[in-house]
Amino acid sequence: MKGVSFLMKELIGNCSLCGKAIYCLDGFFNGVYQEDGKIVCFDCFEEIEGGQVTGESTYKE
């Protein structure tokens, strides 16, 4: 179908700080995963300074 796009959207969970729904959109996690296993939305992540949330990647080769 020309001009039609499909968006894959899967609910992952809720922000551990504000409760906002966090989704995986087209294979990309739309939030921040903390070391303690909790997830945080981008809005709360931007407001946090210090604490447990970091912008560092946890990817290991």
N, C-alpha and C. Protein backbone atom coordinates (compact mmCIF):
# COMPACT_ATOMS: atom_id res chain seq x y z
N MET A 1 0.84 -1.18 0.00
CA MET A 1 0.00 0.00 0.00
C MET A 1 0.88 1.24 0.00
N LYS A 2 0.72 2.02 -0.97
CA LYS A 2 1.53 3.23 -1.10
C LYS A 2 1.02 4.31 -0.13
N GLY A 3 1.97 4.93 0.61
CA GLY A 3 1.61 6.01 1.51
C GLY A 3 1.10 5.58 2.88
N VAL A 4 1.05 4.28 3.11
CA VAL A 4 0.57 3.78 4.40
C VAL A 4 1.77 3.30 5.22
N SER A 5 1.85 3.77 6.46
CA SER A 5 2.93 3.31 7.31
C SER A 5 2.33 2.63 8.54
N PHE A 6 3.03 1.64 9.01
CA PHE A 6 2.58 0.91 10.18
C PHE A 6 3.58 1.13 11.30
N LEU A 7 3.09 1.40 12.48
CA LEU A 7 3.94 1.64 13.63
C LEU A 7 3.75 0.48 14.61
N MET A 8 4.85 -0.20 14.90
CA MET A 8 4.79 -1.25 15.91
C MET A 8 4.92 -0.57 17.27
N LYS A 9 3.95 -0.80 18.13
CA LYS A 9 3.92 -0.15 19.44
C LYS A 9 3.54 -1.19 20.49
N GLU A 10 4.47 -1.44 21.42
CA GLU A 10 4.23 -2.44 22.46
C GLU A 10 4.47 -1.81 23.83
N LEU A 11 3.48 -1.94 24.70
CA LEU A 11 3.61 -1.42 26.06
C LEU A 11 4.64 -2.24 26.82
N ILE A 12 5.66 -1.55 27.38
CA ILE A 12 6.71 -2.23 28.14
C ILE A 12 6.40 -2.17 29.63
N GLY A 13 5.92 -1.03 30.08
CA GLY A 13 5.60 -0.85 31.51
C GLY A 13 5.33 0.60 31.79
N ASN A 14 5.40 0.96 33.08
CA ASN A 14 5.15 2.33 33.49
C ASN A 14 6.38 2.93 34.14
N CYS A 15 6.54 4.24 34.00
CA CYS A 15 7.64 4.96 34.61
C CYS A 15 7.59 4.74 36.12
N SER A 16 8.71 4.41 36.72
CA SER A 16 8.74 4.15 38.16
C SER A 16 8.59 5.43 38.97
N LEU A 17 8.69 6.59 38.32
CA LEU A 17 8.57 7.86 39.04
C LEU A 17 7.20 8.50 38.87
N CYS A 18 6.70 8.60 37.64
CA CYS A 18 5.43 9.30 37.41
C CYS A 18 4.28 8.39 36.99
N GLY A 19 4.58 7.15 36.61
CA GLY A 19 3.53 6.21 36.21
C GLY A 19 3.15 6.25 34.75
N LYS A 20 3.78 7.14 33.96
CA LYS A 20 3.47 7.26 32.53
C LYS A 20 3.80 5.95 31.81
N ALA A 21 2.94 5.57 30.85
CA ALA A 21 3.18 4.36 30.06
C ALA A 21 4.43 4.53 29.20
N ILE A 22 5.27 3.49 29.16
CA ILE A 22 6.48 3.50 28.34
C ILE A 22 6.35 2.38 27.31
N TYR A 23 6.59 2.73 26.05
CA TYR A 23 6.41 1.81 24.95
C TYR A 23 7.73 1.50 24.24
N CYS A 24 7.72 0.39 23.52
CA CYS A 24 8.74 0.08 22.54
C CYS A 24 8.12 0.46 21.20
N LEU A 25 8.73 1.42 20.50
CA LEU A 25 8.19 1.91 19.23
C LEU A 25 9.11 1.48 18.10
N ASP A 26 8.58 0.65 17.22
CA ASP A 26 9.35 0.12 16.09
C ASP A 26 10.69 -0.46 16.51
N GLY A 27 10.72 -1.13 17.66
CA GLY A 27 11.94 -1.79 18.12
C GLY A 27 12.85 -0.93 18.98
N PHE A 28 12.47 0.32 19.25
CA PHE A 28 13.29 1.20 20.06
C PHE A 28 12.59 1.47 21.39
N PHE A 29 13.28 1.18 22.48
CA PHE A 29 12.75 1.41 23.82
C PHE A 29 12.64 2.91 24.07
N ASN A 30 11.46 3.36 24.41
CA ASN A 30 11.17 4.78 24.55
C ASN A 30 11.26 5.22 26.02
N GLY A 31 12.39 4.93 26.66
CA GLY A 31 12.60 5.28 28.05
C GLY A 31 14.04 5.00 28.45
N VAL A 32 14.28 5.02 29.75
CA VAL A 32 15.62 4.77 30.28
C VAL A 32 15.53 3.60 31.25
N TYR A 33 16.42 2.63 31.06
CA TYR A 33 16.48 1.46 31.93
C TYR A 33 17.54 1.70 32.99
N GLN A 34 17.14 1.59 34.26
CA GLN A 34 18.07 1.81 35.36
C GLN A 34 18.75 0.50 35.77
N GLU A 35 19.88 0.62 36.43
CA GLU A 35 20.63 -0.56 36.88
C GLU A 35 19.83 -1.42 37.83
N ASP A 36 18.92 -0.82 38.61
CA ASP A 36 18.12 -1.58 39.56
C ASP A 36 16.91 -2.26 38.91
N GLY A 37 16.82 -2.16 37.57
CA GLY A 37 15.75 -2.83 36.83
C GLY A 37 14.51 -1.99 36.62
N LYS A 38 14.45 -0.80 37.19
CA LYS A 38 13.30 0.07 37.01
C LYS A 38 13.45 0.84 35.71
N ILE A 39 12.30 1.26 35.16
CA ILE A 39 12.32 2.07 33.94
C ILE A 39 11.78 3.46 34.24
N VAL A 40 12.29 4.45 33.51
CA VAL A 40 11.93 5.84 33.70
C VAL A 40 11.64 6.46 32.34
N CYS A 41 10.60 7.28 32.26
CA CYS A 41 10.29 7.96 31.00
C CYS A 41 11.32 9.05 30.74
N PHE A 42 11.41 9.51 29.50
CA PHE A 42 12.38 10.54 29.14
C PHE A 42 12.12 11.86 29.87
N ASP A 43 10.84 12.19 30.12
CA ASP A 43 10.53 13.43 30.83
C ASP A 43 11.12 13.42 32.24
N CYS A 44 10.93 12.34 32.97
CA CYS A 44 11.48 12.23 34.33
C CYS A 44 13.00 12.15 34.29
N PHE A 45 13.54 11.46 33.29
CA PHE A 45 14.98 11.35 33.16
C PHE A 45 15.63 12.72 33.02
N GLU A 46 15.01 13.61 32.26
CA GLU A 46 15.55 14.95 32.06
C GLU A 46 15.53 15.76 33.34
N GLU A 47 14.55 15.50 34.22
CA GLU A 47 14.43 16.25 35.47
C GLU A 47 15.39 15.77 36.56
N ILE A 48 15.86 14.54 36.44
CA ILE A 48 16.73 13.96 37.47
C ILE A 48 18.16 14.45 37.29
N GLU A 49 18.74 14.88 38.38
CA GLU A 49 20.16 15.24 38.37
C GLU A 49 20.83 14.39 39.45
N GLY A 50 21.79 13.59 39.05
CA GLY A 50 22.41 12.67 39.99
C GLY A 50 21.53 11.46 40.20
N GLY A 51 21.62 10.88 41.38
CA GLY A 51 20.79 9.72 41.70
C GLY A 51 21.21 8.49 40.93
N GLN A 52 20.29 7.55 40.81
CA GLN A 52 20.59 6.27 40.18
C GLN A 52 20.52 6.30 38.67
N VAL A 53 19.81 7.23 38.11
CA VAL A 53 19.63 7.26 36.66
C VAL A 53 20.84 7.90 36.01
N THR A 54 21.42 7.20 35.02
CA THR A 54 22.54 7.76 34.28
C THR A 54 22.23 7.65 32.80
N GLY A 55 22.89 8.47 32.00
CA GLY A 55 22.71 8.41 30.56
C GLY A 55 23.71 7.48 29.91
N GLU A 56 24.45 6.72 30.72
CA GLU A 56 25.48 5.84 30.20
C GLU A 56 24.84 4.56 29.66
N SER A 57 25.41 4.05 28.60
CA SER A 57 24.93 2.81 28.01
C SER A 57 25.37 1.63 28.88
N THR A 58 24.49 0.64 29.00
CA THR A 58 24.84 -0.57 29.74
C THR A 58 25.25 -1.68 28.78
N TYR A 59 25.37 -1.35 27.48
CA TYR A 59 25.76 -2.33 26.47
C TYR A 59 27.17 -2.80 26.71
N LYS A 60 27.36 -4.13 26.70
CA LYS A 60 28.70 -4.71 26.87
C LYS A 60 28.95 -5.69 25.74
N GLU A 61 30.13 -5.61 25.15
CA GLU A 61 30.48 -6.52 24.06
C GLU A 61 31.00 -7.83 24.60
